[in-house]
Each structure stands twice: as C-alpha cells, then as structure tokens.
Amino acid sequence: MTRVMSVSQVRADIYNVMDETALTHEPILITGKRNNAVMLSQEDWNAIEETLFLNSVPNLATSIKESMQEDDSEFSEDIEW
C-alpha cells in the first residue's frame, strides 16, 4: 500500500522520508495543493526504467517464457565468450 503524505509533512522530515523510501522500497504519494508527486528511491526508479526498456524489446518476454519452460539439458554447461 502506498503511503500518502502532504508536501508539508515531507518537507518537515525530508531526510527520514527519503531514508524510509529507500529502505522499504515503497513509493510515497506526496499530495500538494496544485499537484501530486510520487517519491521512489533511485534504485527502484532504475529498476522500473530497466523493466520498461526490456518490455520494449520485441518478443523478449515471449522468448524468456519459452526458455524457462525448456529442459535444463537444453542448455550448455560451458559458456563460450
């Protein structure tokens, strides 16, 4: 569940709010009079960006799902670089 805080609450305790966001990996919805925003840790944002990129590669998800269903004997023990 996303935690909701007002911009005033966040401003009063910004360092602890940032630490909590990074520690719990839970986004915080920051509500204001004109707009709302979501605070995420940089680690979580990087993961979201990577997921979005990987999902943009055609047929990648299908290929991964198919590979997960293959028998392990289909894969080589030796990796050739």
PDB file of N, CA and C in Angstrom:
ATOM      1  N   MET A   1       0.844  -1.182   0.000  1.00  0.00           N
ATOM      2  CA  MET A   1       0.000   0.000   0.000  1.00  0.00           C
ATOM      3  C   MET A   1       0.884   1.238   0.000  1.00  0.00           C
ATOM      4  N   THR A   2       0.554   2.159  -0.846  1.00  0.00           N
ATOM      5  CA  THR A   2       1.326   3.393  -0.959  1.00  0.00           C
ATOM      6  C   THR A   2       1.020   4.315   0.210  1.00  0.00           C
ATOM      7  N   ARG A   3       2.071   4.782   0.832  1.00  0.00           N
ATOM      8  CA  ARG A   3       1.923   5.751   1.918  1.00  0.00           C
ATOM      9  C   ARG A   3       1.627   7.118   1.314  1.00  0.00           C
ATOM     10  N   VAL A   4       0.746   7.867   1.932  1.00  0.00           N
ATOM     11  CA  VAL A   4       0.373   9.201   1.458  1.00  0.00           C
ATOM     12  C   VAL A   4       0.811  10.224   2.502  1.00  0.00           C
ATOM     13  N   MET A   5       1.508  11.254   2.038  1.00  0.00           N
ATOM     14  CA  MET A   5       1.951  12.335   2.915  1.00  0.00           C
ATOM     15  C   MET A   5       1.716  13.659   2.208  1.00  0.00           C
ATOM     16  N   SER A   6       1.459  14.686   2.975  1.00  0.00           N
ATOM     17  CA  SER A   6       1.342  16.026   2.385  1.00  0.00           C
ATOM     18  C   SER A   6       2.743  16.565   2.131  1.00  0.00           C
ATOM     19  N   VAL A   7       2.824  17.528   1.246  1.00  0.00           N
ATOM     20  CA  VAL A   7       4.112  18.137   0.959  1.00  0.00           C
ATOM     21  C   VAL A   7       4.700  18.777   2.224  1.00  0.00           C
ATOM     22  N   SER A   8       3.859  19.300   3.093  1.00  0.00           N
ATOM     23  CA  SER A   8       4.334  19.901   4.346  1.00  0.00           C
ATOM     24  C   SER A   8       4.951  18.844   5.264  1.00  0.00           C
ATOM     25  N   GLN A   9       4.321  17.661   5.333  1.00  0.00           N
ATOM     26  CA  GLN A   9       4.872  16.579   6.155  1.00  0.00           C
ATOM     27  C   GLN A   9       6.234  16.131   5.624  1.00  0.00           C
ATOM     28  N   VAL A  10       6.326  16.008   4.318  1.00  0.00           N
ATOM     29  CA  VAL A  10       7.591  15.580   3.709  1.00  0.00           C
ATOM     30  C   VAL A  10       8.668  16.625   3.934  1.00  0.00           C
ATOM     31  N   ARG A  11       8.322  17.885   3.724  1.00  0.00           N
ATOM     32  CA  ARG A  11       9.282  18.966   3.892  1.00  0.00           C
ATOM     33  C   ARG A  11       9.844  18.994   5.317  1.00  0.00           C
ATOM     34  N   ALA A  12       9.011  18.719   6.302  1.00  0.00           N
ATOM     35  CA  ALA A  12       9.432  18.783   7.704  1.00  0.00           C
ATOM     36  C   ALA A  12      10.385  17.653   8.076  1.00  0.00           C
ATOM     37  N   ASP A  13      10.380  16.566   7.286  1.00  0.00           N
ATOM     38  CA  ASP A  13      11.187  15.398   7.671  1.00  0.00           C
ATOM     39  C   ASP A  13      11.798  14.730   6.433  1.00  0.00           C
ATOM     40  N   ILE A  14      12.254  15.523   5.475  1.00  0.00           N
ATOM     41  CA  ILE A  14      12.665  15.025   4.167  1.00  0.00           C
ATOM     42  C   ILE A  14      13.737  13.936   4.237  1.00  0.00           C
ATOM     43  N   TYR A  15      14.733  14.096   5.084  1.00  0.00           N
ATOM     44  CA  TYR A  15      15.814  13.109   5.126  1.00  0.00           C
ATOM     45  C   TYR A  15      15.315  11.750   5.612  1.00  0.00           C
ATOM     46  N   ASN A  16      14.485  11.749   6.640  1.00  0.00           N
ATOM     47  CA  ASN A  16      13.935  10.484   7.126  1.00  0.00           C
ATOM     48  C   ASN A  16      12.970   9.858   6.123  1.00  0.00           C
ATOM     49  N   VAL A  17      12.198  10.688   5.442  1.00  0.00           N
ATOM     50  CA  VAL A  17      11.272  10.181   4.426  1.00  0.00           C
ATOM     51  C   VAL A  17      12.065   9.535   3.285  1.00  0.00           C
ATOM     52  N   MET A  18      13.128  10.163   2.859  1.00  0.00           N
ATOM     53  CA  MET A  18      13.971   9.595   1.808  1.00  0.00           C
ATOM     54  C   MET A  18      14.590   8.281   2.267  1.00  0.00           C
ATOM     55  N   ASP A  19      15.096   8.246   3.488  1.00  0.00           N
ATOM     56  CA  ASP A  19      15.687   7.016   4.019  1.00  0.00           C
ATOM     57  C   ASP A  19      14.659   5.888   4.075  1.00  0.00           C
ATOM     58  N   GLU A  20      13.464   6.213   4.536  1.00  0.00           N
ATOM     59  CA  GLU A  20      12.404   5.211   4.640  1.00  0.00           C
ATOM     60  C   GLU A  20      12.021   4.669   3.262  1.00  0.00           C
ATOM     61  N   THR A  21      11.938   5.565   2.290  1.00  0.00           N
ATOM     62  CA  THR A  21      11.584   5.163   0.935  1.00  0.00           C
ATOM     63  C   THR A  21      12.633   4.207   0.360  1.00  0.00           C
ATOM     64  N   ALA A  22      13.894   4.516   0.596  1.00  0.00           N
ATOM     65  CA  ALA A  22      14.967   3.656   0.106  1.00  0.00           C
ATOM     66  C   ALA A  22      14.984   2.315   0.841  1.00  0.00           C
ATOM     67  N   LEU A  23      14.724   2.337   2.122  1.00  0.00           N
ATOM     68  CA  LEU A  23      14.777   1.121   2.935  1.00  0.00           C
ATOM     69  C   LEU A  23      13.611   0.181   2.653  1.00  0.00           C
ATOM     70  N   THR A  24      12.407   0.720   2.533  1.00  0.00           N
ATOM     71  CA  THR A  24      11.217  -0.117   2.382  1.00  0.00           C
ATOM     72  C   THR A  24      10.882  -0.443   0.930  1.00  0.00           C
ATOM     73  N   HIS A  25      11.461   0.304  -0.003  1.00  0.00           N
ATOM     74  CA  HIS A  25      11.153   0.137  -1.430  1.00  0.00           C
ATOM     75  C   HIS A  25       9.673   0.368  -1.715  1.00  0.00           C
ATOM     76  N   GLU A  26       9.027   1.177  -0.892  1.00  0.00           N
ATOM     77  CA  GLU A  26       7.625   1.530  -1.082  1.00  0.00           C
ATOM     78  C   GLU A  26       7.549   2.985  -1.532  1.00  0.00           C
ATOM     79  N   PRO A  27       6.785   3.258  -2.587  1.00  0.00           N
ATOM     80  CA  PRO A  27       6.644   4.650  -3.016  1.00  0.00           C
ATOM     81  C   PRO A  27       5.826   5.458  -2.009  1.00  0.00           C
ATOM     82  N   ILE A  28       6.043   6.748  -2.025  1.00  0.00           N
ATOM     83  CA  ILE A  28       5.265   7.647  -1.173  1.00  0.00           C
ATOM     84  C   ILE A  28       4.566   8.647  -2.086  1.00  0.00           C
ATOM     85  N   LEU A  29       3.251   8.727  -1.960  1.00  0.00           N
ATOM     86  CA  LEU A  29       2.471   9.718  -2.700  1.00  0.00           C
ATOM     87  C   LEU A  29       2.510  11.016  -1.906  1.00  0.00           C
ATOM     88  N   ILE A  30       3.047  12.043  -2.541  1.00  0.00           N
ATOM     89  CA  ILE A  30       3.138  13.354  -1.899  1.00  0.00           C
ATOM     90  C   ILE A  30       2.044  14.229  -2.494  1.00  0.00           C
ATOM     91  N   THR A  31       1.136  14.682  -1.633  1.00  0.00           N
ATOM     92  CA  THR A  31      -0.002  15.470  -2.104  1.00  0.00           C
ATOM     93  C   THR A  31       0.231  16.951  -1.825  1.00  0.00           C
ATOM     94  N   GLY A  32      -0.117  17.771  -2.795  1.00  0.00           N
ATOM     95  CA  GLY A  32       0.014  19.215  -2.663  1.00  0.00           C
ATOM     96  C   GLY A  32      -1.257  19.907  -3.105  1.00  0.00           C
ATOM     97  N   LYS A  33      -1.294  21.202  -2.943  1.00  0.00           N
ATOM     98  CA  LYS A  33      -2.484  21.967  -3.326  1.00  0.00           C
ATOM     99  C   LYS A  33      -2.679  21.983  -4.845  1.00  0.00           C
ATOM    100  N   ARG A  34      -1.572  22.053  -5.597  1.00  0.00           N
ATOM    101  CA  ARG A  34      -1.674  22.163  -7.057  1.00  0.00           C
ATOM    102  C   ARG A  34      -1.451  20.833  -7.759  1.00  0.00           C
ATOM    103  N   ASN A  35      -0.565  20.006  -7.229  1.00  0.00           N
ATOM    104  CA  ASN A  35      -0.199  18.753  -7.895  1.00  0.00           C
ATOM    105  C   ASN A  35       0.188  17.704  -6.874  1.00  0.00           C
ATOM    106  N   ASN A  36       0.252  16.478  -7.330  1.00  0.00           N
ATOM    107  CA  ASN A  36       0.758  15.370  -6.526  1.00  0.00           C
ATOM    108  C   ASN A  36       2.003  14.814  -7.207  1.00  0.00           C
ATOM    109  N   ALA A  37       2.837  14.142  -6.427  1.00  0.00           N
ATOM    110  CA  ALA A  37       4.035  13.510  -6.963  1.00  0.00           C
ATOM    111  C   ALA A  37       4.266  12.211  -6.205  1.00  0.00           C
ATOM    112  N   VAL A  38       5.087  11.353  -6.791  1.00  0.00           N
ATOM    113  CA  VAL A  38       5.428  10.094  -6.144  1.00  0.00           C
ATOM    114  C   VAL A  38       6.926  10.074  -5.900  1.00  0.00           C
ATOM    115  N   MET A  39       7.326   9.734  -4.667  1.00  0.00           N
ATOM    116  CA  MET A  39       8.739   9.613  -4.332  1.00  0.00           C
ATOM    117  C   MET A  39       9.116   8.132  -4.364  1.00  0.00           C
ATOM    118  N   LEU A  40      10.188   7.838  -5.098  1.00  0.00           N
ATOM    119  CA  LEU A  40      10.762   6.496  -5.167  1.00  0.00           C
ATOM    120  C   LEU A  40      12.243   6.604  -4.885  1.00  0.00           C
ATOM    121  N   SER A  41      12.826   5.511  -4.426  1.00  0.00           N
ATOM    122  CA  SER A  41      14.278   5.512  -4.307  1.00  0.00           C
ATOM    123  C   SER A  41      14.873   5.449  -5.711  1.00  0.00           C
ATOM    124  N   GLN A  42      16.097   5.891  -5.860  1.00  0.00           N
ATOM    125  CA  GLN A  42      16.744   5.847  -7.168  1.00  0.00           C
ATOM    126  C   GLN A  42      16.892   4.396  -7.627  1.00  0.00           C
ATOM    127  N   GLU A  43      17.195   3.488  -6.697  1.00  0.00           N
ATOM    128  CA  GLU A  43      17.323   2.073  -7.032  1.00  0.00           C
ATOM    129  C   GLU A  43      16.024   1.533  -7.639  1.00  0.00           C
ATOM    130  N   ASP A  44      14.889   1.891  -7.040  1.00  0.00           N
ATOM    131  CA  ASP A  44      13.605   1.426  -7.556  1.00  0.00           C
ATOM    132  C   ASP A  44      13.302   2.063  -8.920  1.00  0.00           C
ATOM    133  N   TRP A  45      13.605   3.350  -9.067  1.00  0.00           N
ATOM    134  CA  TRP A  45      13.373   4.007 -10.343  1.00  0.00           C
ATOM    135  C   TRP A  45      14.224   3.369 -11.447  1.00  0.00           C
ATOM    136  N   ASN A  46      15.486   3.065 -11.130  1.00  0.00           N
ATOM    137  CA  ASN A  46      16.355   2.411 -12.118  1.00  0.00           C
ATOM    138  C   ASN A  46      15.775   1.059 -12.533  1.00  0.00           C
ATOM    139  N   ALA A  47      15.234   0.310 -11.579  1.00  0.00           N
ATOM    140  CA  ALA A  47      14.629  -0.988 -11.881  1.00  0.00           C
ATOM    141  C   ALA A  47      13.406  -0.818 -12.780  1.00  0.00           C
ATOM    142  N   ILE A  48      12.606   0.199 -12.523  1.00  0.00           N
ATOM    143  CA  ILE A  48      11.430   0.465 -13.357  1.00  0.00           C
ATOM    144  C   ILE A  48      11.861   0.818 -14.783  1.00  0.00           C
ATOM    145  N   GLU A  49      12.864   1.681 -14.906  1.00  0.00           N
ATOM    146  CA  GLU A  49      13.355   2.049 -16.238  1.00  0.00           C
ATOM    147  C   GLU A  49      13.879   0.832 -16.993  1.00  0.00           C
ATOM    148  N   GLU A  50      14.612  -0.029 -16.301  1.00  0.00           N
ATOM    149  CA  GLU A  50      15.139  -1.232 -16.948  1.00  0.00           C
ATOM    150  C   GLU A  50      13.998  -2.139 -17.406  1.00  0.00           C
ATOM    151  N   THR A  51      12.992  -2.304 -16.563  1.00  0.00           N
ATOM    152  CA  THR A  51      11.834  -3.131 -16.919  1.00  0.00           C
ATOM    153  C   THR A  51      11.116  -2.559 -18.133  1.00  0.00           C
ATOM    154  N   LEU A  52      10.912  -1.248 -18.153  1.00  0.00           N
ATOM    155  CA  LEU A  52      10.260  -0.612 -19.294  1.00  0.00           C
ATOM    156  C   LEU A  52      11.070  -0.823 -20.574  1.00  0.00           C
ATOM    157  N   PHE A  53      12.382  -0.694 -20.468  1.00  0.00           N
ATOM    158  CA  PHE A  53      13.232  -0.910 -21.637  1.00  0.00           C
ATOM    159  C   PHE A  53      13.129  -2.351 -22.121  1.00  0.00           C
ATOM    160  N   LEU A  54      13.261  -3.305 -21.205  1.00  0.00           N
ATOM    161  CA  LEU A  54      13.203  -4.713 -21.601  1.00  0.00           C
ATOM    162  C   LEU A  54      11.850  -5.067 -22.205  1.00  0.00           C
ATOM    163  N   ASN A  55      10.783  -4.474 -21.675  1.00  0.00           N
ATOM    164  CA  ASN A  55       9.451  -4.720 -22.238  1.00  0.00           C
ATOM    165  C   ASN A  55       9.283  -4.104 -23.618  1.00  0.00           C
ATOM    166  N   SER A  56      10.133  -3.152 -23.970  1.00  0.00           N
ATOM    167  CA  SER A  56      10.031  -2.525 -25.283  1.00  0.00           C
ATOM    168  C   SER A  56      10.742  -3.336 -26.368  1.00  0.00           C
ATOM    169  N   VAL A  57      11.548  -4.319 -25.965  1.00  0.00           N
ATOM    170  CA  VAL A  57      12.255  -5.160 -26.936  1.00  0.00           C
ATOM    171  C   VAL A  57      11.260  -6.191 -27.477  1.00  0.00           C
ATOM    172  N   PRO A  58      11.010  -6.175 -28.795  1.00  0.00           N
ATOM    173  CA  PRO A  58      10.013  -7.094 -29.364  1.00  0.00           C
ATOM    174  C   PRO A  58      10.338  -8.564 -29.069  1.00  0.00           C
ATOM    175  N   ASN A  59       9.344  -9.292 -28.642  1.00  0.00           N
ATOM    176  CA  ASN A  59       9.404 -10.737 -28.420  1.00  0.00           C
ATOM    177  C   ASN A  59      10.327 -11.177 -27.272  1.00  0.00           C
ATOM    178  N   LEU A  60      10.898 -10.256 -26.532  1.00  0.00           N
ATOM    179  CA  LEU A  60      11.808 -10.656 -25.461  1.00  0.00           C
ATOM    180  C   LEU A  60      11.070 -11.415 -24.365  1.00  0.00           C
ATOM    181  N   ALA A  61       9.923 -10.927 -23.930  1.00  0.00           N
ATOM    182  CA  ALA A  61       9.169 -11.598 -22.866  1.00  0.00           C
ATOM    183  C   ALA A  61       8.762 -13.000 -23.294  1.00  0.00           C
ATOM    184  N   THR A  62       8.316 -13.138 -24.531  1.00  0.00           N
ATOM    185  CA  THR A  62       7.932 -14.459 -25.042  1.00  0.00           C
ATOM    186  C   THR A  62       9.132 -15.394 -25.055  1.00  0.00           C
ATOM    187  N   SER A  63      10.262 -14.899 -25.498  1.00  0.00           N
ATOM    188  CA  SER A  63      11.483 -15.707 -25.552  1.00  0.00           C
ATOM    189  C   SER A  63      11.906 -16.170 -24.158  1.00  0.00           C
ATOM    190  N   ILE A  64      11.817 -15.295 -23.185  1.00  0.00           N
ATOM    191  CA  ILE A  64      12.184 -15.646 -21.813  1.00  0.00           C
ATOM    192  C   ILE A  64      11.240 -16.709 -21.272  1.00  0.00           C
ATOM    193  N   LYS A  65       9.938 -16.534 -21.489  1.00  0.00           N
ATOM    194  CA  LYS A  65       8.955 -17.513 -21.014  1.00  0.00           C
ATOM    195  C   LYS A  65       9.194 -18.877 -21.650  1.00  0.00           C
ATOM    196  N   GLU A  66       9.482 -18.895 -22.938  1.00  0.00           N
ATOM    197  CA  GLU A  66       9.754 -20.157 -23.620  1.00  0.00           C
ATOM    198  C   GLU A  66      11.014 -20.813 -23.072  1.00  0.00           C
ATOM    199  N   SER A  67      12.045 -20.033 -22.827  1.00  0.00           N
ATOM    200  CA  SER A  67      13.297 -20.568 -22.290  1.00  0.00           C
ATOM    201  C   SER A  67      13.114 -21.159 -20.897  1.00  0.00           C
ATOM    202  N   MET A  68      12.240 -20.528 -20.101  1.00  0.00           N
ATOM    203  CA  MET A  68      12.007 -21.022 -18.742  1.00  0.00           C
ATOM    204  C   MET A  68      11.325 -22.389 -18.753  1.00  0.00           C
ATOM    205  N   GLN A  69      10.641 -22.722 -19.837  1.00  0.00           N
ATOM    206  CA  GLN A  69       9.937 -23.993 -19.927  1.00  0.00           C
ATOM    207  C   GLN A  69      10.810 -25.096 -20.524  1.00  0.00           C
ATOM    208  N   GLU A  70      11.990 -24.744 -21.037  1.00  0.00           N
ATOM    209  CA  GLU A  70      12.898 -25.721 -21.633  1.00  0.00           C
ATOM    210  C   GLU A  70      13.519 -26.598 -20.549  1.00  0.00           C
ATOM    211  N   ASP A  71      13.819 -27.812 -20.930  1.00  0.00           N
ATOM    212  CA  ASP A  71      14.524 -28.735 -20.049  1.00  0.00           C
ATOM    213  C   ASP A  71      15.941 -28.211 -19.838  1.00  0.00           C
ATOM    214  N   ASP A  72      16.456 -28.342 -18.629  1.00  0.00           N
ATOM    215  CA  ASP A  72      17.800 -27.849 -18.331  1.00  0.00           C
ATOM    216  C   ASP A  72      18.863 -28.483 -19.217  1.00  0.00           C
ATOM    217  N   SER A  73      18.612 -29.685 -19.711  1.00  0.00           N
ATOM    218  CA  SER A  73      19.596 -30.360 -20.551  1.00  0.00           C
ATOM    219  C   SER A  73      19.777 -29.643 -21.894  1.00  0.00           C
ATOM    220  N   GLU A  74      18.850 -28.738 -22.207  1.00  0.00           N
ATOM    221  CA  GLU A  74      18.945 -27.977 -23.456  1.00  0.00           C
ATOM    222  C   GLU A  74      20.045 -26.917 -23.392  1.00  0.00           C
ATOM    223  N   PHE A  75      20.508 -26.611 -22.193  1.00  0.00           N
ATOM    224  CA  PHE A  75      21.493 -25.568 -22.015  1.00  0.00           C
ATOM    225  C   PHE A  75      22.881 -26.149 -21.805  1.00  0.00           C
ATOM    226  N   SER A  76      23.859 -25.486 -22.346  1.00  0.00           N
ATOM    227  CA  SER A  76      25.239 -25.935 -22.247  1.00  0.00           C
ATOM    228  C   SER A  76      25.808 -25.626 -20.861  1.00  0.00           C
ATOM    229  N   GLU A  77      26.635 -26.518 -20.380  1.00  0.00           N
ATOM    230  CA  GLU A  77      27.342 -26.278 -19.116  1.00  0.00           C
ATOM    231  C   GLU A  77      28.488 -25.294 -19.318  1.00  0.00           C
ATOM    232  N   ASP A  78      29.035 -25.282 -20.515  1.00  0.00           N
ATOM    233  CA  ASP A  78      30.175 -24.416 -20.819  1.00  0.00           C
ATOM    234  C   ASP A  78      29.691 -23.141 -21.490  1.00  0.00           C
ATOM    235  N   ILE A  79      30.242 -22.042 -21.029  1.00  0.00           N
ATOM    236  CA  ILE A  79      29.923 -20.759 -21.637  1.00  0.00           C
ATOM    237  C   ILE A  79      31.119 -20.331 -22.478  1.00  0.00           C
ATOM    238  N   GLU A  80      30.867 -20.079 -23.722  1.00  0.00           N
ATOM    239  CA  GLU A  80      31.934 -19.625 -24.616  1.00  0.00           C
ATOM    240  C   GLU A  80      31.784 -18.126 -24.829  1.00  0.00           C
ATOM    241  N   TRP A  81      32.792 -17.395 -24.469  1.00  0.00           N
ATOM    242  CA  TRP A  81      32.774 -15.940 -24.629  1.00  0.00           C
ATOM    243  C   TRP A  81      33.405 -15.616 -25.909  1.00  0.00           C
TER     244      TRP A  81
END
